[in-house]
Amino acid sequence: MAHDRRALVLNAIVQDYVKTGEPVGSRVVVERHRLGVSPATVRNDMAALEEQGLIAQPHTSAGRVPTDAGYRKFVDQIAELKPLTRGERAAIEKMLSEAVDLDDVIARSVRLLASITDQVAVVQYPSLRRTAVRHIELVPLSETRALVVIITDAGRVEQRIVTTESGLSDEQFATLRATLNEEISDHQLAELPDALTRVEARLPDELRPAARTVGRALEDTLRNEAEERVVVAGTANLTRYDIDFERTIYPILDAIEEQVVLLRMLAHKEDGLHVGIGSENVSDAFSETSVVSTNYVGADQQTVARLGIIGPTRMDYPATMSSVYAVAKYLSDILSAN
């Protein structure tokens, strides 16, 4: 019984501190949350929670504030995500559905996430190391030159002009195009060498040099573009919170400039919603922040990248988690439909 009540007291302290930014006292907990016990009982519960390291008293005679461990306990008890309003869902769907290409949908997603959470938003580009080739188009420019257009299952489009050793007719270009697509479609970068070997084996001798030329261009393009990168929006949202600029915000801004740091921050072995709180985060720069992130998927329902937000530990976790999940879901739906 006492254990259940202490969980309610901890939840009350987290919720009130998130709303007000002020330490929460026992009388406030009793009055606002109607726990059916006296302030003295709540003070005893607070003492027990403090001994467990879940709350702390910043000043003598002051109320309590959650610690990182307290926030972790609170987050781990969230059984269901807070649903977005109909208006929020419609706004997300409308903004993302109007995107014209992958760059546009990523840019819209990061701005949208920053806007609806009032936090710093981070979206990782779909990695060509994890995405597969959906289609290859060969556009003849002359008998010996062609434009190679590579389309991935995550919607990325890459182009390269190649020059063949000998001239090819339109019919030969068509044969090469068809064979490439039959063998290479749905294969990732690491699988391309074997697929290209099968392409050569199927083609007549006169087309094999051209197939090797296109194959090298394909591998080089994907390898060069496979570098992981992220986009960021909403850094100005850091000024909304009572955070020390010199000690906290400046290190965060420096860390946000480092792509490697952001990629490490988003990297998780398992898919799904993840919340990193304070010292749990990979960089000391984020030791006073929380990072809420999740994965999004491509056409084959396989994870292609992650997105998330960086904000103060004093955040509305249920609402933030719901927003991150919702944007990832709509982004996945758009990429899957392409």
Protein backbone atom coordinates (compact mmCIF):
# COMPACT_ATOMS: atom_id res chain seq x y z
CA MET A 1 0.00 0.00 0.00
CA ALA A 2 2.75 2.44 1.03
CA HIS A 3 4.74 1.46 -2.06
CA ASP A 4 1.79 2.24 -4.37
CA ARG A 5 1.18 5.55 -2.61
CA ARG A 6 4.84 6.55 -2.91
CA ALA A 7 4.63 5.91 -6.64
CA LEU A 8 1.67 8.31 -6.76
CA VAL A 9 3.59 10.88 -4.73
CA LEU A 10 6.57 10.62 -7.09
CA ASN A 11 4.29 11.03 -10.12
CA ALA A 12 2.68 14.06 -8.50
CA ILE A 13 6.05 15.66 -7.80
CA VAL A 14 7.24 15.06 -11.38
CA GLN A 15 4.04 16.41 -12.92
CA ASP A 16 3.93 19.52 -10.73
CA TYR A 17 7.62 20.28 -11.12
CA VAL A 18 7.34 19.97 -14.92
CA LYS A 19 4.45 22.45 -14.91
CA THR A 20 5.80 25.03 -12.44
CA GLY A 21 9.56 24.61 -12.26
CA GLU A 22 9.25 25.07 -8.49
CA PRO A 23 10.09 22.51 -5.77
CA VAL A 24 6.96 20.64 -4.71
CA GLY A 25 5.88 20.49 -1.06
CA SER A 26 3.78 17.91 0.74
CA ARG A 27 0.79 20.20 1.23
CA VAL A 28 0.68 21.01 -2.49
CA VAL A 29 0.71 17.30 -3.32
CA VAL A 30 -2.22 16.65 -0.98
CA GLU A 31 -4.27 19.59 -2.24
CA ARG A 32 -3.70 19.11 -5.97
CA HIS A 33 -3.74 15.35 -6.23
CA ARG A 34 -6.23 14.31 -3.53
CA LEU A 35 -4.35 11.28 -2.32
CA GLY A 36 -6.62 10.90 0.70
CA VAL A 37 -3.79 11.15 3.24
CA SER A 38 -2.37 13.91 5.44
CA PRO A 39 0.60 16.14 4.58
CA ALA A 40 2.53 14.35 7.34
CA THR A 41 2.06 11.01 5.58
CA VAL A 42 3.21 12.54 2.28
CA ARG A 43 6.27 13.98 4.04
CA ASN A 44 7.13 10.48 5.24
CA ASP A 45 6.72 9.18 1.70
CA MET A 46 8.94 11.99 0.43
CA ALA A 47 11.61 11.04 2.94
CA ALA A 48 11.49 7.45 1.70
CA LEU A 49 11.68 8.58 -1.94
CA GLU A 50 14.62 10.81 -1.08
CA GLU A 51 16.44 7.89 0.55
CA GLN A 52 15.92 5.94 -2.69
CA GLY A 53 17.50 8.79 -4.67
CA LEU A 54 14.31 9.51 -6.61
CA ILE A 55 13.78 13.07 -5.37
CA ALA A 56 15.98 15.72 -3.79
CA GLN A 57 15.58 18.82 -1.63
CA PRO A 58 17.42 21.69 -3.33
CA HIS A 59 17.17 24.00 -0.31
CA THR A 60 16.44 23.62 3.38
CA SER A 61 12.71 23.88 4.11
CA ALA A 62 11.99 23.74 0.39
CA GLY A 63 9.90 21.19 -1.45
CA ARG A 64 11.34 18.34 -3.50
CA VAL A 65 12.36 18.02 -7.13
CA PRO A 66 12.83 14.83 -9.18
CA THR A 67 16.31 13.44 -9.76
CA ASP A 68 17.36 11.71 -12.98
CA ALA A 69 16.49 8.42 -11.27
CA GLY A 70 13.08 9.82 -10.36
CA TYR A 71 12.40 10.84 -13.95
CA ARG A 72 13.53 7.38 -15.07
CA LYS A 73 11.10 5.74 -12.62
CA PHE A 74 8.32 8.01 -13.86
CA VAL A 75 9.04 7.31 -17.56
CA ASP A 76 9.26 3.56 -17.00
CA GLN A 77 5.76 3.62 -15.47
CA ILE A 78 4.16 5.24 -18.52
CA ALA A 79 1.98 2.46 -19.86
CA GLU A 80 0.25 4.32 -22.72
CA LEU A 81 1.27 7.26 -24.82
CA LYS A 82 -0.84 10.39 -24.61
CA PRO A 83 -2.87 10.56 -27.86
CA LEU A 84 -2.46 13.61 -30.06
CA THR A 85 -5.47 15.77 -30.75
CA ARG A 86 -7.29 15.45 -34.05
CA GLY A 87 -5.93 18.86 -35.05
CA GLU A 88 -2.34 17.85 -34.28
CA ARG A 89 -2.67 14.66 -36.29
CA ALA A 90 -4.21 16.51 -39.24
CA ALA A 91 -1.45 19.15 -39.16
CA ILE A 92 1.28 16.49 -39.18
CA GLU A 93 -0.32 14.56 -42.02
CA LYS A 94 -0.93 17.67 -44.14
CA MET A 95 2.57 19.09 -43.71
CA LEU A 96 4.38 15.84 -44.48
CA SER A 97 2.09 14.74 -47.31
CA GLU A 98 2.90 17.96 -49.22
CA ALA A 99 6.62 17.13 -49.38
CA VAL A 100 7.95 16.86 -52.94
CA ASP A 101 11.04 14.68 -52.35
CA LEU A 102 13.10 13.06 -49.61
CA ASP A 103 15.04 16.21 -48.73
CA ASP A 104 11.77 18.09 -48.39
CA VAL A 105 10.11 15.44 -46.21
CA ILE A 106 13.14 15.30 -43.88
CA ALA A 107 13.25 19.11 -43.62
CA ARG A 108 9.52 19.26 -42.93
CA SER A 109 9.74 16.46 -40.34
CA VAL A 110 12.47 18.13 -38.29
CA ARG A 111 10.73 21.53 -38.34
CA LEU A 112 7.43 19.93 -37.42
CA LEU A 113 8.91 17.96 -34.53
CA ALA A 114 10.62 21.05 -33.14
CA SER A 115 7.39 23.03 -33.43
CA ILE A 116 5.03 20.59 -31.71
CA THR A 117 7.44 19.70 -28.89
CA ASP A 118 9.11 23.11 -28.34
CA GLN A 119 12.41 21.21 -28.17
CA VAL A 120 15.49 20.75 -30.33
CA ALA A 121 14.56 18.22 -33.02
CA VAL A 122 17.00 15.87 -34.75
CA VAL A 123 16.21 13.68 -37.78
CA GLN A 124 18.71 11.24 -39.25
CA TYR A 125 18.73 10.82 -43.02
CA PRO A 126 17.95 7.32 -44.29
CA SER A 127 21.31 5.58 -44.52
CA LEU A 128 22.29 4.06 -47.85
CA ARG A 129 24.06 1.41 -45.81
CA ARG A 130 20.69 0.21 -44.55
CA THR A 131 18.42 1.06 -47.48
CA ALA A 132 18.07 -1.01 -50.63
CA VAL A 133 18.11 -0.10 -54.32
CA ARG A 134 14.54 0.03 -55.60
CA HIS A 135 15.11 0.93 -59.24
CA ILE A 136 17.86 1.89 -61.67
CA GLU A 137 17.10 4.01 -64.70
CA LEU A 138 19.49 4.38 -67.66
CA VAL A 139 18.87 7.46 -69.75
CA PRO A 140 20.94 7.39 -73.01
CA LEU A 141 22.61 10.75 -73.69
CA SER A 142 24.52 9.47 -76.73
CA GLU A 143 25.73 6.10 -78.02
CA THR A 144 28.51 6.03 -75.39
CA ARG A 145 27.12 8.16 -72.55
CA ALA A 146 24.20 7.59 -70.22
CA LEU A 147 22.71 9.08 -67.08
CA VAL A 148 22.39 6.49 -64.29
CA VAL A 149 19.53 7.31 -61.89
CA ILE A 150 19.46 5.31 -58.65
CA ILE A 151 16.30 5.27 -56.56
CA THR A 152 16.34 3.68 -53.09
CA ASP A 153 13.47 2.25 -51.06
CA ALA A 154 13.74 5.23 -48.70
CA GLY A 155 13.09 7.67 -51.51
CA ARG A 156 16.65 8.87 -52.05
CA VAL A 157 17.59 9.64 -55.66
CA GLU A 158 21.22 9.71 -56.80
CA GLN A 159 22.58 10.37 -60.31
CA ARG A 160 25.81 9.71 -62.16
CA ILE A 161 26.84 10.10 -65.82
CA VAL A 162 28.85 7.18 -67.24
CA THR A 163 30.76 6.65 -70.47
CA THR A 164 30.85 3.20 -72.05
CA GLU A 165 33.77 1.74 -73.98
CA SER A 166 31.70 1.23 -77.13
CA GLY A 167 28.45 2.59 -78.44
CA LEU A 168 25.15 0.99 -77.46
CA SER A 169 21.84 1.03 -79.29
CA ASP A 170 18.59 1.93 -77.56
CA GLU A 171 17.70 -1.76 -77.55
CA GLN A 172 20.98 -2.66 -75.84
CA PHE A 173 20.47 0.07 -73.25
CA ALA A 174 17.01 -1.37 -72.60
CA THR A 175 18.44 -4.90 -72.14
CA LEU A 176 21.08 -3.62 -69.74
CA ARG A 177 18.51 -1.61 -67.78
CA ALA A 178 16.12 -4.55 -67.46
CA THR A 179 18.82 -7.00 -66.34
CA LEU A 180 20.21 -4.56 -63.76
CA ASN A 181 16.78 -4.03 -62.22
CA GLU A 182 15.96 -7.73 -62.14
CA GLU A 183 19.17 -8.59 -60.28
CA ILE A 184 19.83 -5.50 -58.16
CA SER A 185 16.40 -4.36 -56.98
CA ASP A 186 15.86 -4.80 -53.22
CA HIS A 187 19.58 -5.32 -52.57
CA GLN A 188 21.66 -3.24 -50.15
CA LEU A 189 25.12 -1.83 -50.78
CA ALA A 190 26.91 -4.81 -49.23
CA GLU A 191 25.00 -7.19 -51.52
CA LEU A 192 25.78 -5.40 -54.79
CA PRO A 193 29.00 -7.24 -55.78
CA ASP A 194 27.22 -10.60 -55.97
CA ALA A 195 24.25 -9.02 -57.76
CA LEU A 196 26.52 -7.37 -60.34
CA THR A 197 28.26 -10.69 -60.96
CA ARG A 198 24.88 -12.20 -61.79
CA VAL A 199 24.13 -9.28 -64.12
CA GLU A 200 27.33 -9.91 -66.14
CA ALA A 201 26.64 -13.64 -66.30
CA ARG A 202 23.25 -13.04 -67.90
CA LEU A 203 24.38 -10.51 -70.51
CA PRO A 204 25.96 -11.16 -73.93
CA ASP A 205 29.68 -10.47 -74.20
CA GLU A 206 29.25 -7.13 -75.95
CA LEU A 207 27.22 -5.71 -73.01
CA ARG A 208 29.43 -6.88 -70.16
CA PRO A 209 31.92 -3.96 -70.29
CA ALA A 210 29.00 -1.51 -70.09
CA ALA A 211 27.53 -3.49 -67.17
CA ARG A 212 30.86 -3.25 -65.30
CA THR A 213 31.00 0.51 -65.96
CA VAL A 214 27.48 1.05 -64.65
CA GLY A 215 28.15 -1.29 -61.73
CA ARG A 216 31.24 0.69 -60.66
CA ALA A 217 29.29 3.93 -60.89
CA LEU A 218 26.50 2.42 -58.82
CA GLU A 219 28.83 1.18 -56.07
CA ASP A 220 30.87 4.40 -56.01
CA THR A 221 27.76 6.57 -55.80
CA LEU A 222 26.19 4.60 -52.98
CA ARG A 223 29.48 4.33 -51.10
CA ASN A 224 30.15 8.07 -51.37
CA GLU A 225 26.62 8.96 -50.30
CA ALA A 226 26.47 6.42 -47.48
CA GLU A 227 27.88 8.81 -44.88
CA GLU A 228 25.45 9.16 -42.00
CA ARG A 229 24.07 12.64 -41.42
CA VAL A 230 21.39 14.38 -39.41
CA VAL A 231 19.45 17.62 -39.66
CA VAL A 232 18.56 19.80 -36.68
CA ALA A 233 15.84 22.38 -36.01
CA GLY A 234 14.59 24.32 -33.01
CA THR A 235 17.84 25.24 -31.26
CA ALA A 236 16.20 28.54 -30.28
CA ASN A 237 13.78 26.51 -28.14
CA LEU A 238 16.58 26.08 -25.60
CA THR A 239 16.00 29.69 -24.56
CA ARG A 240 12.45 28.86 -23.47
CA TYR A 241 13.70 27.11 -20.35
CA ASP A 242 15.41 28.21 -17.18
CA ILE A 243 18.78 26.75 -18.14
CA ASP A 244 22.17 28.26 -17.39
CA PHE A 245 23.59 29.45 -20.72
CA GLU A 246 27.26 29.44 -19.77
CA ARG A 247 27.25 26.08 -18.01
CA THR A 248 24.61 24.12 -19.95
CA ILE A 249 23.34 25.63 -23.20
CA TYR A 250 26.70 26.50 -24.75
CA PRO A 251 28.00 22.91 -24.40
CA ILE A 252 24.71 21.64 -25.87
CA LEU A 253 25.04 23.98 -28.85
CA ASP A 254 28.64 22.85 -29.41
CA ALA A 255 27.58 19.18 -29.24
CA ILE A 256 24.72 19.75 -31.69
CA GLU A 257 27.27 20.98 -34.23
CA GLU A 258 29.01 17.59 -34.14
CA GLN A 259 27.29 15.07 -36.43
CA VAL A 260 29.14 12.18 -34.80
CA VAL A 261 27.82 13.13 -31.36
CA LEU A 262 24.25 13.35 -32.61
CA LEU A 263 24.52 10.02 -34.42
CA ARG A 264 25.83 8.36 -31.24
CA MET A 265 23.00 9.96 -29.31
CA LEU A 266 20.43 8.44 -31.69
CA ALA A 267 22.10 5.05 -32.00
CA HIS A 268 20.34 2.19 -30.20
CA LYS A 269 20.63 -1.54 -30.67
CA GLU A 270 16.88 -2.04 -30.45
CA ASP A 271 14.11 -0.31 -32.38
CA GLY A 272 11.33 1.56 -30.67
CA LEU A 273 10.88 4.55 -28.40
CA HIS A 274 13.88 5.30 -26.19
CA VAL A 275 14.29 7.94 -23.47
CA GLY A 276 17.78 8.89 -22.30
CA ILE A 277 17.75 10.97 -19.12
CA GLY A 278 20.62 13.13 -17.89
CA SER A 279 23.75 11.11 -17.23
CA GLU A 280 22.35 8.20 -19.31
CA ASN A 281 23.14 10.14 -22.47
CA VAL A 282 26.32 9.52 -24.46
CA SER A 283 27.81 13.01 -24.11
CA ASP A 284 28.46 15.06 -20.98
CA ALA A 285 27.00 18.01 -22.88
CA PHE A 286 23.57 16.37 -22.57
CA SER A 287 23.91 15.55 -18.85
CA GLU A 288 21.13 17.98 -17.94
CA THR A 289 18.86 17.08 -20.84
CA SER A 290 16.64 14.23 -21.88
CA VAL A 291 16.71 12.70 -25.34
CA VAL A 292 13.54 11.06 -26.67
CA SER A 293 14.04 9.14 -29.91
CA THR A 294 12.61 6.36 -32.04
CA ASN A 295 13.17 4.67 -35.38
CA TYR A 296 11.32 5.09 -38.66
CA VAL A 297 11.05 2.59 -41.48
CA GLY A 298 11.18 2.42 -45.26
CA ALA A 299 9.27 0.57 -47.94
CA ASP A 300 10.12 -2.90 -46.62
CA GLN A 301 9.21 -1.96 -43.03
CA GLN A 302 12.88 -2.17 -42.06
CA THR A 303 14.45 0.56 -39.96
CA VAL A 304 16.27 3.12 -42.12
CA ALA A 305 17.09 5.80 -39.51
CA ARG A 306 15.99 7.47 -36.26
CA LEU A 307 14.64 10.81 -35.12
CA GLY A 308 14.16 12.47 -31.77
CA ILE A 309 14.31 15.56 -29.58
CA ILE A 310 16.71 17.07 -27.06
CA GLY A 311 15.16 19.00 -24.19
CA PRO A 312 15.50 19.70 -20.48
CA THR A 313 14.98 16.84 -18.06
CA ARG A 314 12.03 18.87 -16.79
CA MET A 315 9.81 18.07 -19.76
CA ASP A 316 6.31 16.70 -20.33
CA TYR A 317 7.43 13.15 -21.06
CA PRO A 318 4.06 11.62 -22.06
CA ALA A 319 3.32 14.42 -24.56
CA THR A 320 6.85 14.50 -25.93
CA MET A 321 7.03 10.73 -26.37
CA SER A 322 3.69 10.79 -28.20
CA SER A 323 4.84 13.55 -30.55
CA VAL A 324 8.11 11.80 -31.40
CA TYR A 325 6.28 8.54 -32.04
CA ALA A 326 3.60 10.24 -34.17
CA VAL A 327 6.05 12.08 -36.45
CA ALA A 328 8.06 8.86 -36.91
CA LYS A 329 4.88 6.98 -37.78
CA TYR A 330 3.76 9.52 -40.41
CA LEU A 331 7.28 9.71 -41.84
CA SER A 332 7.36 5.91 -42.11
CA ASP A 333 3.96 5.88 -43.82
CA ILE A 334 5.14 8.39 -46.43
CA LEU A 335 8.38 6.56 -47.17
CA SER A 336 6.58 3.21 -47.30
CA ALA A 337 4.06 4.57 -49.80
CA ASN A 338 6.72 5.89 -52.19
